[in-house]
Amino acid sequence: MWYEILPGMAIMAACLSVPGLATVFVQRWSSGGKEKRVSRFPYQWALMQRDKRLSGGSKRYEAKAGAGGP
């Protein structure tokens, strides 16, 4: 019957979603739990550049001492 395909589809969906989810969790783990910043508009890019200049860090996701980071 038609429902016999459901277990196979569930297995395929799980296997295909593992790489995408793993990428998200590895990125969060490697950057201390902070999401990667993206700039979709020139104004957002300018703000990211300003934050980089003010913080002095080469990476925008580095936490400063006392900000809950290690």
PDB file of N, CA and C in Angstrom:
ATOM      1  N   MET A   1       0.833  -1.187   0.000  1.00  0.00           N
ATOM      2  CA  MET A   1       0.000   0.000   0.000  1.00  0.00           C
ATOM      3  C   MET A   1       0.879   1.253   0.000  1.00  0.00           C
ATOM      4  N   TRP A   2       0.262   2.407  -0.119  1.00  0.00           N
ATOM      5  CA  TRP A   2       1.007   3.663  -0.231  1.00  0.00           C
ATOM      6  C   TRP A   2       1.764   3.998   1.040  1.00  0.00           C
ATOM      7  N   TYR A   3       1.271   3.588   2.198  1.00  0.00           N
ATOM      8  CA  TYR A   3       1.890   3.943   3.465  1.00  0.00           C
ATOM      9  C   TYR A   3       3.162   3.142   3.748  1.00  0.00           C
ATOM     10  N   GLU A   4       3.456   2.140   2.946  1.00  0.00           N
ATOM     11  CA  GLU A   4       4.673   1.364   3.150  1.00  0.00           C
ATOM     12  C   GLU A   4       5.929   2.168   2.823  1.00  0.00           C
ATOM     13  N   ILE A   5       5.778   3.244   2.103  1.00  0.00           N
ATOM     14  CA  ILE A   5       6.925   4.081   1.760  1.00  0.00           C
ATOM     15  C   ILE A   5       7.289   5.047   2.889  1.00  0.00           C
ATOM     16  N   LEU A   6       6.409   5.266   3.850  1.00  0.00           N
ATOM     17  CA  LEU A   6       6.640   6.246   4.912  1.00  0.00           C
ATOM     18  C   LEU A   6       7.897   5.971   5.747  1.00  0.00           C
ATOM     19  N   PRO A   7       8.185   4.728   6.191  1.00  0.00           N
ATOM     20  CA  PRO A   7       9.422   4.520   6.955  1.00  0.00           C
ATOM     21  C   PRO A   7      10.679   4.847   6.146  1.00  0.00           C
ATOM     22  N   GLY A   8      10.683   4.475   4.881  1.00  0.00           N
ATOM     23  CA  GLY A   8      11.827   4.792   4.037  1.00  0.00           C
ATOM     24  C   GLY A   8      12.006   6.285   3.840  1.00  0.00           C
ATOM     25  N   MET A   9      10.891   6.991   3.669  1.00  0.00           N
ATOM     26  CA  MET A   9      10.970   8.445   3.521  1.00  0.00           C
ATOM     27  C   MET A   9      11.448   9.101   4.801  1.00  0.00           C
ATOM     28  N   ALA A  10      11.031   8.583   5.942  1.00  0.00           N
ATOM     29  CA  ALA A  10      11.471   9.150   7.218  1.00  0.00           C
ATOM     30  C   ALA A  10      12.974   8.949   7.401  1.00  0.00           C
ATOM     31  N   ILE A  11      13.474   7.786   7.042  1.00  0.00           N
ATOM     32  CA  ILE A  11      14.912   7.516   7.160  1.00  0.00           C
ATOM     33  C   ILE A  11      15.691   8.433   6.222  1.00  0.00           C
ATOM     34  N   MET A  12      15.211   8.589   4.996  1.00  0.00           N
ATOM     35  CA  MET A  12      15.901   9.467   4.046  1.00  0.00           C
ATOM     36  C   MET A  12      15.883  10.915   4.521  1.00  0.00           C
ATOM     37  N   ALA A  13      14.773  11.377   5.055  1.00  0.00           N
ATOM     38  CA  ALA A  13      14.687  12.753   5.543  1.00  0.00           C
ATOM     39  C   ALA A  13      15.644  12.971   6.716  1.00  0.00           C
ATOM     40  N   ALA A  14      15.723  11.995   7.604  1.00  0.00           N
ATOM     41  CA  ALA A  14      16.643  12.123   8.736  1.00  0.00           C
ATOM     42  C   ALA A  14      18.093  12.158   8.267  1.00  0.00           C
ATOM     43  N   CYS A  15      18.444  11.293   7.343  1.00  0.00           N
ATOM     44  CA  CYS A  15      19.823  11.257   6.846  1.00  0.00           C
ATOM     45  C   CYS A  15      20.186  12.527   6.084  1.00  0.00           C
ATOM     46  N   LEU A  16      19.251  13.101   5.367  1.00  0.00           N
ATOM     47  CA  LEU A  16      19.543  14.317   4.619  1.00  0.00           C
ATOM     48  C   LEU A  16      19.573  15.564   5.494  1.00  0.00           C
ATOM     49  N   SER A  17      18.939  15.528   6.649  1.00  0.00           N
ATOM     50  CA  SER A  17      18.939  16.702   7.521  1.00  0.00           C
ATOM     51  C   SER A  17      20.125  16.720   8.479  1.00  0.00           C
ATOM     52  N   VAL A  18      20.797  15.599   8.674  1.00  0.00           N
ATOM     53  CA  VAL A  18      21.919  15.537   9.617  1.00  0.00           C
ATOM     54  C   VAL A  18      23.052  16.491   9.238  1.00  0.00           C
ATOM     55  N   PRO A  19      23.539  16.555   7.993  1.00  0.00           N
ATOM     56  CA  PRO A  19      24.635  17.483   7.689  1.00  0.00           C
ATOM     57  C   PRO A  19      24.288  18.951   7.931  1.00  0.00           C
ATOM     58  N   GLY A  20      23.091  19.356   7.589  1.00  0.00           N
ATOM     59  CA  GLY A  20      22.693  20.744   7.806  1.00  0.00           C
ATOM     60  C   GLY A  20      22.620  21.105   9.272  1.00  0.00           C
ATOM     61  N   LEU A  21      22.034  20.237  10.066  1.00  0.00           N
ATOM     62  CA  LEU A  21      21.949  20.497  11.502  1.00  0.00           C
ATOM     63  C   LEU A  21      23.311  20.429  12.162  1.00  0.00           C
ATOM     64  N   ALA A  22      24.150  19.493  11.735  1.00  0.00           N
ATOM     65  CA  ALA A  22      25.491  19.378  12.308  1.00  0.00           C
ATOM     66  C   ALA A  22      26.296  20.646  12.038  1.00  0.00           C
ATOM     67  N   THR A  23      26.147  21.219  10.863  1.00  0.00           N
ATOM     68  CA  THR A  23      26.866  22.456  10.536  1.00  0.00           C
ATOM     69  C   THR A  23      26.464  23.579  11.482  1.00  0.00           C
ATOM     70  N   VAL A  24      25.192  23.706  11.772  1.00  0.00           N
ATOM     71  CA  VAL A  24      24.710  24.753  12.673  1.00  0.00           C
ATOM     72  C   VAL A  24      25.300  24.563  14.065  1.00  0.00           C
ATOM     73  N   PHE A  25      25.267  23.348  14.581  1.00  0.00           N
ATOM     74  CA  PHE A  25      25.746  23.115  15.936  1.00  0.00           C
ATOM     75  C   PHE A  25      27.258  23.244  16.043  1.00  0.00           C
ATOM     76  N   VAL A  26      27.995  22.823  15.034  1.00  0.00           N
ATOM     77  CA  VAL A  26      29.456  22.971  15.061  1.00  0.00           C
ATOM     78  C   VAL A  26      29.822  24.444  15.009  1.00  0.00           C
ATOM     79  N   GLN A  27      29.124  25.234  14.205  1.00  0.00           N
ATOM     80  CA  GLN A  27      29.415  26.663  14.131  1.00  0.00           C
ATOM     81  C   GLN A  27      29.128  27.343  15.461  1.00  0.00           C
ATOM     82  N   ARG A  28      28.022  26.993  16.104  1.00  0.00           N
ATOM     83  CA  ARG A  28      27.708  27.580  17.413  1.00  0.00           C
ATOM     84  C   ARG A  28      28.735  27.178  18.455  1.00  0.00           C
ATOM     85  N   TRP A  29      29.165  25.934  18.431  1.00  0.00           N
ATOM     86  CA  TRP A  29      30.138  25.451  19.400  1.00  0.00           C
ATOM     87  C   TRP A  29      31.484  26.144  19.201  1.00  0.00           C
ATOM     88  N   SER A  30      31.889  26.327  17.959  1.00  0.00           N
ATOM     89  CA  SER A  30      33.200  26.911  17.695  1.00  0.00           C
ATOM     90  C   SER A  30      33.232  28.416  17.947  1.00  0.00           C
ATOM     91  N   SER A  31      32.091  29.089  17.914  1.00  0.00           N
ATOM     92  CA  SER A  31      32.084  30.538  18.125  1.00  0.00           C
ATOM     93  C   SER A  31      31.525  30.921  19.486  1.00  0.00           C
ATOM     94  N   GLY A  32      31.459  30.005  20.407  1.00  0.00           N
ATOM     95  CA  GLY A  32      31.012  30.331  21.755  1.00  0.00           C
ATOM     96  C   GLY A  32      29.524  30.550  21.879  1.00  0.00           C
ATOM     97  N   GLY A  33      28.729  29.993  20.990  1.00  0.00           N
ATOM     98  CA  GLY A  33      27.276  30.092  21.092  1.00  0.00           C
ATOM     99  C   GLY A  33      26.672  31.291  20.403  1.00  0.00           C
ATOM    100  N   LYS A  34      27.505  32.146  19.811  1.00  0.00           N
ATOM    101  CA  LYS A  34      26.964  33.326  19.141  1.00  0.00           C
ATOM    102  C   LYS A  34      26.730  33.029  17.671  1.00  0.00           C
ATOM    103  N   GLU A  35      25.662  33.602  17.146  1.00  0.00           N
ATOM    104  CA  GLU A  35      25.342  33.418  15.742  1.00  0.00           C
ATOM    105  C   GLU A  35      26.288  34.250  14.878  1.00  0.00           C
ATOM    106  N   LYS A  36      26.539  33.776  13.682  1.00  0.00           N
ATOM    107  CA  LYS A  36      27.355  34.522  12.744  1.00  0.00           C
ATOM    108  C   LYS A  36      26.569  35.737  12.256  1.00  0.00           C
ATOM    109  N   ARG A  37      27.216  36.884  12.250  1.00  0.00           N
ATOM    110  CA  ARG A  37      26.549  38.094  11.792  1.00  0.00           C
ATOM    111  C   ARG A  37      26.608  38.176  10.283  1.00  0.00           C
ATOM    112  N   VAL A  38      25.524  38.617   9.703  1.00  0.00           N
ATOM    113  CA  VAL A  38      25.468  38.796   8.253  1.00  0.00           C
ATOM    114  C   VAL A  38      25.026  40.226   7.974  1.00  0.00           C
ATOM    115  N   SER A  39      25.466  40.745   6.843  1.00  0.00           N
ATOM    116  CA  SER A  39      25.044  42.085   6.450  1.00  0.00           C
ATOM    117  C   SER A  39      24.320  41.978   5.118  1.00  0.00           C
ATOM    118  N   ARG A  40      23.074  42.338   5.124  1.00  0.00           N
ATOM    119  CA  ARG A  40      22.264  42.284   3.909  1.00  0.00           C
ATOM    120  C   ARG A  40      22.154  43.653   3.246  1.00  0.00           C
ATOM    121  N   PHE A  41      22.481  44.692   3.990  1.00  0.00           N
ATOM    122  CA  PHE A  41      22.375  46.054   3.485  1.00  0.00           C
ATOM    123  C   PHE A  41      23.671  46.804   3.792  1.00  0.00           C
ATOM    124  N   PRO A  42      23.996  47.829   3.016  1.00  0.00           N
ATOM    125  CA  PRO A  42      25.233  48.589   3.268  1.00  0.00           C
ATOM    126  C   PRO A  42      25.298  49.171   4.679  1.00  0.00           C
ATOM    127  N   TYR A  43      24.170  49.564   5.244  1.00  0.00           N
ATOM    128  CA  TYR A  43      24.164  50.122   6.592  1.00  0.00           C
ATOM    129  C   TYR A  43      24.603  49.074   7.613  1.00  0.00           C
ATOM    130  N   GLN A  44      24.133  47.837   7.454  1.00  0.00           N
ATOM    131  CA  GLN A  44      24.554  46.772   8.364  1.00  0.00           C
ATOM    132  C   GLN A  44      26.045  46.493   8.232  1.00  0.00           C
ATOM    133  N   TRP A  45      26.574  46.558   7.013  1.00  0.00           N
ATOM    134  CA  TRP A  45      28.010  46.358   6.812  1.00  0.00           C
ATOM    135  C   TRP A  45      28.802  47.459   7.520  1.00  0.00           C
ATOM    136  N   ALA A  46      28.323  48.685   7.425  1.00  0.00           N
ATOM    137  CA  ALA A  46      28.998  49.792   8.094  1.00  0.00           C
ATOM    138  C   ALA A  46      28.990  49.593   9.606  1.00  0.00           C
ATOM    139  N   LEU A  47      27.891  49.117  10.153  1.00  0.00           N
ATOM    140  CA  LEU A  47      27.830  48.858  11.592  1.00  0.00           C
ATOM    141  C   LEU A  47      28.782  47.747  12.011  1.00  0.00           C
ATOM    142  N   MET A  48      28.900  46.710  11.189  1.00  0.00           N
ATOM    143  CA  MET A  48      29.824  45.620  11.504  1.00  0.00           C
ATOM    144  C   MET A  48      31.267  46.111  11.470  1.00  0.00           C
ATOM    145  N   GLN A  49      31.600  46.961  10.497  1.00  0.00           N
ATOM    146  CA  GLN A  49      32.948  47.513  10.417  1.00  0.00           C
ATOM    147  C   GLN A  49      33.228  48.423  11.621  1.00  0.00           C
ATOM    148  N   ARG A  50      32.234  49.195  12.042  1.00  0.00           N
ATOM    149  CA  ARG A  50      32.389  50.050  13.219  1.00  0.00           C
ATOM    150  C   ARG A  50      32.633  49.208  14.466  1.00  0.00           C
ATOM    151  N   ASP A  51      31.862  48.123  14.622  1.00  0.00           N
ATOM    152  CA  ASP A  51      32.046  47.249  15.776  1.00  0.00           C
ATOM    153  C   ASP A  51      33.425  46.626  15.774  1.00  0.00           C
ATOM    154  N   LYS A  52      33.903  46.269  14.598  1.00  0.00           N
ATOM    155  CA  LYS A  52      35.233  45.671  14.491  1.00  0.00           C
ATOM    156  C   LYS A  52      36.306  46.680  14.897  1.00  0.00           C
ATOM    157  N   ARG A  53      36.149  47.936  14.454  1.00  0.00           N
ATOM    158  CA  ARG A  53      37.117  48.974  14.825  1.00  0.00           C
ATOM    159  C   ARG A  53      37.093  49.253  16.312  1.00  0.00           C
ATOM    160  N   LEU A  54      35.895  49.348  16.901  1.00  0.00           N
ATOM    161  CA  LEU A  54      35.779  49.699  18.313  1.00  0.00           C
ATOM    162  C   LEU A  54      36.239  48.579  19.232  1.00  0.00           C
ATOM    163  N   SER A  55      35.955  47.334  18.867  1.00  0.00           N
ATOM    164  CA  SER A  55      36.310  46.220  19.737  1.00  0.00           C
ATOM    165  C   SER A  55      37.773  45.836  19.595  1.00  0.00           C
ATOM    166  N   GLY A  56      38.378  46.125  18.450  1.00  0.00           N
ATOM    167  CA  GLY A  56      39.776  45.796  18.253  1.00  0.00           C
ATOM    168  C   GLY A  56      40.009  44.325  17.970  1.00  0.00           C
ATOM    169  N   GLY A  57      38.978  43.554  17.835  1.00  0.00           N
ATOM    170  CA  GLY A  57      39.125  42.128  17.583  1.00  0.00           C
ATOM    171  C   GLY A  57      39.157  41.822  16.105  1.00  0.00           C
ATOM    172  N   SER A  58      39.851  40.770  15.748  1.00  0.00           N
ATOM    173  CA  SER A  58      39.879  40.383  14.351  1.00  0.00           C
ATOM    174  C   SER A  58      38.655  39.562  13.986  1.00  0.00           C
ATOM    175  N   LYS A  59      37.989  39.010  14.993  1.00  0.00           N
ATOM    176  CA  LYS A  59      36.775  38.228  14.770  1.00  0.00           C
ATOM    177  C   LYS A  59      35.641  38.904  15.514  1.00  0.00           C
ATOM    178  N   ARG A  60      34.501  39.065  14.861  1.00  0.00           N
ATOM    179  CA  ARG A  60      33.399  39.790  15.482  1.00  0.00           C
ATOM    180  C   ARG A  60      32.666  38.974  16.543  1.00  0.00           C
ATOM    181  N   TYR A  61      32.941  37.684  16.619  1.00  0.00           N
ATOM    182  CA  TYR A  61      32.206  36.880  17.585  1.00  0.00           C
ATOM    183  C   TYR A  61      33.002  36.618  18.856  1.00  0.00           C
ATOM    184  N   GLU A  62      34.218  37.156  18.979  1.00  0.00           N
ATOM    185  CA  GLU A  62      35.006  36.932  20.183  1.00  0.00           C
ATOM    186  C   GLU A  62      34.388  37.688  21.346  1.00  0.00           C
ATOM    187  N   ALA A  63      34.259  37.018  22.469  1.00  0.00           N
ATOM    188  CA  ALA A  63      33.733  37.659  23.656  1.00  0.00           C
ATOM    189  C   ALA A  63      34.883  38.308  24.419  1.00  0.00           C
ATOM    190  N   LYS A  64      34.628  39.477  24.976  1.00  0.00           N
ATOM    191  CA  LYS A  64      35.629  40.160  25.781  1.00  0.00           C
ATOM    192  C   LYS A  64      35.631  39.562  27.188  1.00  0.00           C
ATOM    193  N   ALA A  65      36.708  39.783  27.920  1.00  0.00           N
ATOM    194  CA  ALA A  65      36.814  39.280  29.295  1.00  0.00           C
ATOM    195  C   ALA A  65      35.707  39.889  30.133  1.00  0.00           C
ATOM    196  N   GLY A  66      35.067  39.081  30.937  1.00  0.00           N
ATOM    197  CA  GLY A  66      33.994  39.553  31.790  1.00  0.00           C
ATOM    198  C   GLY A  66      32.640  39.550  31.122  1.00  0.00           C
ATOM    199  N   ALA A  67      32.589  39.137  29.872  1.00  0.00           N
ATOM    200  CA  ALA A  67      31.312  39.110  29.162  1.00  0.00           C
ATOM    201  C   ALA A  67      30.687  37.718  29.185  1.00  0.00           C
ATOM    202  N   GLY A  68      31.104  36.895  30.122  1.00  0.00           N
ATOM    203  CA  GLY A  68      30.563  35.549  30.228  1.00  0.00           C
ATOM    204  C   GLY A  68      31.342  34.529  29.451  1.00  0.00           C
ATOM    205  N   GLY A  69      32.383  34.949  28.783  1.00  0.00           N
ATOM    206  CA  GLY A  69      33.198  34.014  28.003  1.00  0.00           C
ATOM    207  C   GLY A  69      34.348  33.456  28.820  1.00  0.00           C
ATOM    208  N   PRO A  70      35.020  32.427  28.315  1.00  0.00           N
ATOM    209  CA  PRO A  70      36.146  31.842  29.057  1.00  0.00           C
ATOM    210  C   PRO A  70      37.377  32.696  29.021  1.00  0.00           C
TER     211      PRO A  70
END
